[in-house]
Amino acid sequence: MLKLYSYWRSSCSFRVRIALNLKGLKYDYIPVNLLKGEQSHPEFLKLNPVGFVPVLVDGDLVLADSLAIIMYLDDKYPQHPLLPSDIHKRAINFQATHIVSSSIQPLQNISFLNYIGEKVGPDEKLPWVQSVLRKGFTALEKLLKDHTGRYAMGDEIFLADVFLAPQLHAAFTRFNIPMNEFPIMSRLHETYNATPAFQEALPQNQPDALH
């Protein structure tokens, strides 16, 4: 069985959980408590020397990057493909994906926010995250305005949705971004919340969630 090393509030882990659900794949959930520093334990660093979740183990293969994991799953398990066949739509999917994975998420992860809290001040953490989210969401609204249907790239779920859903969930539930500021993002967020594969992957539905 596939093994997923995950943390319930990690948006990167959230992405992989969505992909696994969309593919209908069963997996063994192994929690890694980031707040307790378990990602820095020697046993975990053997799996991922960078010390981040998620990590997917499939037999002898160990993958430790959410995009690499999802692309591997898409190649190995062709049911519900996560990329459209049209090359232009594929390119927009990758662009939206990288706005989230490169321009938003790394600038609001736990280690980065802890650094800001220590070096600048704890009161600066939330304004920083909000500025990062607003910049990224403004770009995403412009990018997707001519492409959205029920989902980000029409009426089917693709890679962009897998990356957008966790980021939107964090923005609207943890970082107090008013939903009316970004109408396309807000509508997608509501759609994701009503989609079973996304619902099952929500942070609060994970075995290590703090209820």
C-alpha atoms as a PDB file:
ATOM      1  CA  MET A   1       0.000   0.000   0.000  1.00  0.00           C
ATOM      2  CA  LEU A   2       1.101   3.552  -0.656  1.00  0.00           C
ATOM      3  CA  LYS A   3       2.346   5.414   2.413  1.00  0.00           C
ATOM      4  CA  LEU A   4       1.835   9.162   2.822  1.00  0.00           C
ATOM      5  CA  TYR A   5       3.761  11.087   5.439  1.00  0.00           C
ATOM      6  CA  SER A   6       1.532  14.063   6.071  1.00  0.00           C
ATOM      7  CA  TYR A   7       0.629  16.870   8.456  1.00  0.00           C
ATOM      8  CA  TRP A   8      -3.026  17.795   8.682  1.00  0.00           C
ATOM      9  CA  ARG A   9      -2.569  21.557   8.126  1.00  0.00           C
ATOM     10  CA  SER A  10       0.140  21.284   5.487  1.00  0.00           C
ATOM     11  CA  SER A  11      -1.240  22.614   2.196  1.00  0.00           C
ATOM     12  CA  CYS A  12       1.398  20.631   0.292  1.00  0.00           C
ATOM     13  CA  SER A  13       0.170  17.419   1.939  1.00  0.00           C
ATOM     14  CA  PHE A  14      -3.417  18.523   1.291  1.00  0.00           C
ATOM     15  CA  ARG A  15      -2.631  18.648  -2.469  1.00  0.00           C
ATOM     16  CA  VAL A  16      -1.419  15.073  -2.493  1.00  0.00           C
ATOM     17  CA  ARG A  17      -4.400  13.858  -0.474  1.00  0.00           C
ATOM     18  CA  ILE A  18      -6.724  15.406  -3.077  1.00  0.00           C
ATOM     19  CA  ALA A  19      -4.862  13.719  -5.919  1.00  0.00           C
ATOM     20  CA  LEU A  20      -4.973  10.350  -4.163  1.00  0.00           C
ATOM     21  CA  ASN A  21      -8.706  10.746  -3.589  1.00  0.00           C
ATOM     22  CA  LEU A  22      -9.365  11.757  -7.195  1.00  0.00           C
ATOM     23  CA  LYS A  23      -7.491   8.654  -8.348  1.00  0.00           C
ATOM     24  CA  GLY A  24      -9.425   6.478  -5.897  1.00  0.00           C
ATOM     25  CA  LEU A  25      -6.205   5.248  -4.286  1.00  0.00           C
ATOM     26  CA  LYS A  26      -5.968   3.830  -0.789  1.00  0.00           C
ATOM     27  CA  TYR A  27      -2.982   4.804   1.310  1.00  0.00           C
ATOM     28  CA  ASP A  28      -1.528   4.497   4.771  1.00  0.00           C
ATOM     29  CA  TYR A  29      -1.564   7.902   6.484  1.00  0.00           C
ATOM     30  CA  ILE A  30       1.527   8.512   8.642  1.00  0.00           C
ATOM     31  CA  PRO A  31       1.327  11.771  10.616  1.00  0.00           C
ATOM     32  CA  VAL A  32       4.355  14.028  11.031  1.00  0.00           C
ATOM     33  CA  ASN A  33       3.783  16.719  13.660  1.00  0.00           C
ATOM     34  CA  LEU A  34       5.507  19.844  12.347  1.00  0.00           C
ATOM     35  CA  LEU A  35       4.839  21.816  15.521  1.00  0.00           C
ATOM     36  CA  LYS A  36       6.734  19.222  17.540  1.00  0.00           C
ATOM     37  CA  GLY A  37       9.610  19.199  15.070  1.00  0.00           C
ATOM     38  CA  GLU A  38       9.117  15.606  13.948  1.00  0.00           C
ATOM     39  CA  GLN A  39      10.150  16.617  10.423  1.00  0.00           C
ATOM     40  CA  SER A  40      13.676  17.131  11.795  1.00  0.00           C
ATOM     41  CA  HIS A  41      13.990  13.691  13.398  1.00  0.00           C
ATOM     42  CA  PRO A  42      16.747  11.536  11.870  1.00  0.00           C
ATOM     43  CA  GLU A  43      14.265   8.865  10.799  1.00  0.00           C
ATOM     44  CA  PHE A  44      12.259  11.348   8.769  1.00  0.00           C
ATOM     45  CA  LEU A  45      15.322  13.073   7.313  1.00  0.00           C
ATOM     46  CA  LYS A  46      16.318   9.730   5.816  1.00  0.00           C
ATOM     47  CA  LEU A  47      13.136   9.978   3.746  1.00  0.00           C
ATOM     48  CA  ASN A  48      13.420  13.673   2.959  1.00  0.00           C
ATOM     49  CA  PRO A  49      16.697  15.417   3.834  1.00  0.00           C
ATOM     50  CA  VAL A  50      14.992  18.792   3.309  1.00  0.00           C
ATOM     51  CA  GLY A  51      12.694  18.017   6.226  1.00  0.00           C
ATOM     52  CA  PHE A  52       9.359  18.840   4.579  1.00  0.00           C
ATOM     53  CA  VAL A  53       6.088  16.969   4.157  1.00  0.00           C
ATOM     54  CA  PRO A  54       4.607  15.345   2.187  1.00  0.00           C
ATOM     55  CA  VAL A  55       6.583  12.201   1.466  1.00  0.00           C
ATOM     56  CA  LEU A  56       5.113   9.366  -0.561  1.00  0.00           C
ATOM     57  CA  VAL A  57       6.529   5.855  -0.323  1.00  0.00           C
ATOM     58  CA  ASP A  58       5.585   3.365  -3.032  1.00  0.00           C
ATOM     59  CA  GLY A  59       7.568   0.181  -2.512  1.00  0.00           C
ATOM     60  CA  ASP A  60      11.224   1.122  -2.940  1.00  0.00           C
ATOM     61  CA  LEU A  61      10.422   4.566  -4.342  1.00  0.00           C
ATOM     62  CA  VAL A  62      10.477   7.583  -2.027  1.00  0.00           C
ATOM     63  CA  LEU A  63       9.236  10.935  -3.351  1.00  0.00           C
ATOM     64  CA  ALA A  64       9.340  14.110  -1.304  1.00  0.00           C
ATOM     65  CA  ASP A  65       7.857  16.962  -3.338  1.00  0.00           C
ATOM     66  CA  SER A  66       4.135  17.477  -3.833  1.00  0.00           C
ATOM     67  CA  LEU A  67       4.329  18.229  -7.557  1.00  0.00           C
ATOM     68  CA  ALA A  68       6.686  15.304  -8.196  1.00  0.00           C
ATOM     69  CA  ILE A  69       4.393  13.029  -6.196  1.00  0.00           C
ATOM     70  CA  ILE A  70       1.261  14.154  -8.033  1.00  0.00           C
ATOM     71  CA  MET A  71       2.877  13.846 -11.473  1.00  0.00           C
ATOM     72  CA  TYR A  72       4.106  10.364 -10.539  1.00  0.00           C
ATOM     73  CA  LEU A  73       0.600   9.359  -9.463  1.00  0.00           C
ATOM     74  CA  ASP A  74      -0.823  10.784 -12.675  1.00  0.00           C
ATOM     75  CA  ASP A  75       1.625   8.776 -14.777  1.00  0.00           C
ATOM     76  CA  LYS A  76       1.219   5.532 -12.863  1.00  0.00           C
ATOM     77  CA  TYR A  77      -2.544   5.689 -12.342  1.00  0.00           C
ATOM     78  CA  PRO A  78      -4.169   7.067 -15.524  1.00  0.00           C
ATOM     79  CA  GLN A  79      -7.694   7.125 -14.117  1.00  0.00           C
ATOM     80  CA  HIS A  80      -8.911  10.720 -13.805  1.00  0.00           C
ATOM     81  CA  PRO A  81      -5.996  12.424 -15.624  1.00  0.00           C
ATOM     82  CA  LEU A  82      -4.925  15.662 -13.953  1.00  0.00           C
ATOM     83  CA  LEU A  83      -3.731  17.409 -17.099  1.00  0.00           C
ATOM     84  CA  PRO A  84      -5.850  18.200 -20.169  1.00  0.00           C
ATOM     85  CA  SER A  85      -4.739  17.006 -23.592  1.00  0.00           C
ATOM     86  CA  ASP A  86      -4.879  20.517 -25.065  1.00  0.00           C
ATOM     87  CA  ILE A  87      -1.366  22.018 -24.836  1.00  0.00           C
ATOM     88  CA  HIS A  88      -2.616  25.544 -24.174  1.00  0.00           C
ATOM     89  CA  LYS A  89      -4.797  24.388 -21.286  1.00  0.00           C
ATOM     90  CA  ARG A  90      -1.896  22.324 -19.950  1.00  0.00           C
ATOM     91  CA  ALA A  91       0.306  25.424 -19.980  1.00  0.00           C
ATOM     92  CA  ILE A  92      -2.281  27.476 -18.054  1.00  0.00           C
ATOM     93  CA  ASN A  93      -2.600  24.630 -15.547  1.00  0.00           C
ATOM     94  CA  PHE A  94       1.144  24.651 -14.957  1.00  0.00           C
ATOM     95  CA  GLN A  95       1.211  28.435 -14.660  1.00  0.00           C
ATOM     96  CA  ALA A  96      -1.563  28.457 -12.029  1.00  0.00           C
ATOM     97  CA  THR A  97       0.135  25.586 -10.225  1.00  0.00           C
ATOM     98  CA  HIS A  98       3.439  27.416 -10.043  1.00  0.00           C
ATOM     99  CA  ILE A  99       1.875  30.670  -8.847  1.00  0.00           C
ATOM    100  CA  VAL A 100       0.652  28.690  -5.848  1.00  0.00           C
ATOM    101  CA  SER A 101       3.711  26.497  -5.332  1.00  0.00           C
ATOM    102  CA  SER A 102       6.397  29.129  -6.011  1.00  0.00           C
ATOM    103  CA  SER A 103       4.922  32.584  -5.400  1.00  0.00           C
ATOM    104  CA  ILE A 104       2.517  31.948  -2.506  1.00  0.00           C
ATOM    105  CA  GLN A 105       3.009  28.804  -0.411  1.00  0.00           C
ATOM    106  CA  PRO A 106       6.771  29.014   0.307  1.00  0.00           C
ATOM    107  CA  LEU A 107       6.340  32.585   1.597  1.00  0.00           C
ATOM    108  CA  GLN A 108       3.727  31.589   4.193  1.00  0.00           C
ATOM    109  CA  ASN A 109       4.953  28.239   5.493  1.00  0.00           C
ATOM    110  CA  ILE A 110       5.664  27.635   9.169  1.00  0.00           C
ATOM    111  CA  SER A 111       9.441  28.080   9.054  1.00  0.00           C
ATOM    112  CA  PHE A 112       9.208  31.332   7.104  1.00  0.00           C
ATOM    113  CA  LEU A 113       6.573  32.806   9.411  1.00  0.00           C
ATOM    114  CA  ASN A 114       8.543  31.778  12.481  1.00  0.00           C
ATOM    115  CA  TYR A 115      11.557  33.594  11.048  1.00  0.00           C
ATOM    116  CA  ILE A 116       9.505  36.757  10.496  1.00  0.00           C
ATOM    117  CA  GLY A 117       8.131  36.497  14.032  1.00  0.00           C
ATOM    118  CA  GLU A 118      11.617  36.217  15.512  1.00  0.00           C
ATOM    119  CA  LYS A 119      13.434  38.772  13.356  1.00  0.00           C
ATOM    120  CA  VAL A 120      10.704  41.349  12.742  1.00  0.00           C
ATOM    121  CA  GLY A 121       7.945  40.723  15.275  1.00  0.00           C
ATOM    122  CA  PRO A 122       4.971  38.402  15.802  1.00  0.00           C
ATOM    123  CA  ASP A 123       2.503  41.111  14.810  1.00  0.00           C
ATOM    124  CA  GLU A 124       3.990  41.219  11.320  1.00  0.00           C
ATOM    125  CA  LYS A 125       3.255  37.582  10.456  1.00  0.00           C
ATOM    126  CA  LEU A 126      -0.402  37.957   9.471  1.00  0.00           C
ATOM    127  CA  PRO A 127       0.045  41.180   7.420  1.00  0.00           C
ATOM    128  CA  TRP A 128       2.899  39.492   5.564  1.00  0.00           C
ATOM    129  CA  VAL A 129       0.834  36.405   4.705  1.00  0.00           C
ATOM    130  CA  GLN A 130      -2.103  38.537   3.620  1.00  0.00           C
ATOM    131  CA  SER A 131       0.092  40.608   1.292  1.00  0.00           C
ATOM    132  CA  VAL A 132       1.511  37.445  -0.286  1.00  0.00           C
ATOM    133  CA  LEU A 133      -1.954  35.933  -0.743  1.00  0.00           C
ATOM    134  CA  ARG A 134      -3.433  39.101  -2.235  1.00  0.00           C
ATOM    135  CA  LYS A 135      -0.616  39.403  -4.769  1.00  0.00           C
ATOM    136  CA  GLY A 136      -0.926  35.763  -5.793  1.00  0.00           C
ATOM    137  CA  PHE A 137      -4.715  35.733  -5.935  1.00  0.00           C
ATOM    138  CA  THR A 138      -4.765  38.922  -8.017  1.00  0.00           C
ATOM    139  CA  ALA A 139      -2.536  37.172 -10.559  1.00  0.00           C
ATOM    140  CA  LEU A 140      -4.669  34.026 -10.493  1.00  0.00           C
ATOM    141  CA  GLU A 141      -7.898  35.973 -11.037  1.00  0.00           C
ATOM    142  CA  LYS A 142      -6.415  37.540 -14.170  1.00  0.00           C
ATOM    143  CA  LEU A 143      -4.958  34.265 -15.409  1.00  0.00           C
ATOM    144  CA  LEU A 144      -8.114  32.196 -14.999  1.00  0.00           C
ATOM    145  CA  LYS A 145     -10.864  34.702 -15.846  1.00  0.00           C
ATOM    146  CA  ASP A 146     -11.292  33.397 -19.410  1.00  0.00           C
ATOM    147  CA  HIS A 147     -10.870  29.726 -18.544  1.00  0.00           C
ATOM    148  CA  THR A 148     -13.016  28.885 -15.522  1.00  0.00           C
ATOM    149  CA  GLY A 149     -16.147  26.812 -15.628  1.00  0.00           C
ATOM    150  CA  ARG A 150     -17.263  24.820 -12.639  1.00  0.00           C
ATOM    151  CA  TYR A 151     -13.555  24.407 -11.868  1.00  0.00           C
ATOM    152  CA  ALA A 152     -10.437  26.421 -12.641  1.00  0.00           C
ATOM    153  CA  MET A 153     -10.011  25.181 -16.217  1.00  0.00           C
ATOM    154  CA  GLY A 154     -13.562  24.343 -17.217  1.00  0.00           C
ATOM    155  CA  ASP A 155     -15.912  21.674 -15.938  1.00  0.00           C
ATOM    156  CA  GLU A 156     -13.313  19.034 -15.120  1.00  0.00           C
ATOM    157  CA  ILE A 157     -10.900  18.874 -12.180  1.00  0.00           C
ATOM    158  CA  PHE A 158      -7.280  19.343 -13.198  1.00  0.00           C
ATOM    159  CA  LEU A 159      -3.899  20.024 -11.617  1.00  0.00           C
ATOM    160  CA  ALA A 160      -4.635  23.712 -11.044  1.00  0.00           C
ATOM    161  CA  ASP A 161      -7.585  22.792  -8.829  1.00  0.00           C
ATOM    162  CA  VAL A 162      -5.483  20.370  -6.795  1.00  0.00           C
ATOM    163  CA  PHE A 163      -3.088  23.208  -5.948  1.00  0.00           C
ATOM    164  CA  LEU A 164      -5.660  25.982  -5.630  1.00  0.00           C
ATOM    165  CA  ALA A 165      -8.014  24.263  -3.191  1.00  0.00           C
ATOM    166  CA  PRO A 166      -5.607  24.011  -0.215  1.00  0.00           C
ATOM    167  CA  GLN A 167      -4.352  27.557  -0.747  1.00  0.00           C
ATOM    168  CA  LEU A 168      -7.871  28.964  -0.851  1.00  0.00           C
ATOM    169  CA  HIS A 169      -8.858  26.983   2.221  1.00  0.00           C
ATOM    170  CA  ALA A 170      -5.941  28.451   4.177  1.00  0.00           C
ATOM    171  CA  ALA A 171      -6.569  31.977   2.925  1.00  0.00           C
ATOM    172  CA  PHE A 172     -10.237  32.070   3.809  1.00  0.00           C
ATOM    173  CA  THR A 173     -10.213  30.035   7.034  1.00  0.00           C
ATOM    174  CA  ARG A 174      -6.799  30.748   8.616  1.00  0.00           C
ATOM    175  CA  PHE A 175      -5.533  34.032   7.227  1.00  0.00           C
ATOM    176  CA  ASN A 176      -8.724  36.111   7.185  1.00  0.00           C
ATOM    177  CA  ILE A 177      -8.768  37.103   3.526  1.00  0.00           C
ATOM    178  CA  PRO A 178     -12.311  38.380   2.787  1.00  0.00           C
ATOM    179  CA  MET A 179     -13.799  36.147   0.126  1.00  0.00           C
ATOM    180  CA  ASN A 180     -15.502  39.054  -1.673  1.00  0.00           C
ATOM    181  CA  GLU A 181     -12.102  40.481  -2.645  1.00  0.00           C
ATOM    182  CA  PHE A 182     -11.551  37.670  -5.142  1.00  0.00           C
ATOM    183  CA  PRO A 183     -14.809  36.526  -6.773  1.00  0.00           C
ATOM    184  CA  ILE A 184     -13.325  33.771  -8.957  1.00  0.00           C
ATOM    185  CA  MET A 185     -11.262  32.359  -6.093  1.00  0.00           C
ATOM    186  CA  SER A 186     -14.271  32.540  -3.796  1.00  0.00           C
ATOM    187  CA  ARG A 187     -16.525  30.692  -6.233  1.00  0.00           C
ATOM    188  CA  LEU A 188     -13.913  27.981  -6.758  1.00  0.00           C
ATOM    189  CA  HIS A 189     -13.464  27.639  -3.002  1.00  0.00           C
ATOM    190  CA  GLU A 190     -17.181  26.978  -2.572  1.00  0.00           C
ATOM    191  CA  THR A 191     -17.127  24.445  -5.412  1.00  0.00           C
ATOM    192  CA  TYR A 192     -14.185  22.579  -3.907  1.00  0.00           C
ATOM    193  CA  ASN A 193     -15.923  22.437  -0.531  1.00  0.00           C
ATOM    194  CA  ALA A 194     -18.843  20.665  -2.202  1.00  0.00           C
ATOM    195  CA  THR A 195     -16.674  18.106  -4.038  1.00  0.00           C
ATOM    196  CA  PRO A 196     -16.141  14.778  -2.179  1.00  0.00           C
ATOM    197  CA  ALA A 197     -12.476  14.256  -3.139  1.00  0.00           C
ATOM    198  CA  PHE A 198     -11.668  17.676  -1.712  1.00  0.00           C
ATOM    199  CA  GLN A 199     -13.915  17.295   1.339  1.00  0.00           C
ATOM    200  CA  GLU A 200     -12.210  14.054   2.380  1.00  0.00           C
ATOM    201  CA  ALA A 201      -8.793  15.737   2.083  1.00  0.00           C
ATOM    202  CA  LEU A 202      -9.687  18.733   4.282  1.00  0.00           C
ATOM    203  CA  PRO A 203      -7.323  19.312   7.210  1.00  0.00           C
ATOM    204  CA  GLN A 204     -10.018  18.822   9.830  1.00  0.00           C
ATOM    205  CA  ASN A 205     -10.859  15.390   8.388  1.00  0.00           C
ATOM    206  CA  GLN A 206      -7.365  13.944   8.879  1.00  0.00           C
ATOM    207  CA  PRO A 207      -6.519  11.519  11.690  1.00  0.00           C
ATOM    208  CA  ASP A 208      -3.955  13.887  13.251  1.00  0.00           C
ATOM    209  CA  ALA A 209      -6.257  16.941  13.175  1.00  0.00           C
ATOM    210  CA  LEU A 210      -6.649  18.941  16.374  1.00  0.00           C
ATOM    211  CA  HIS A 211     -10.387  19.225  16.877  1.00  0.00           C
END
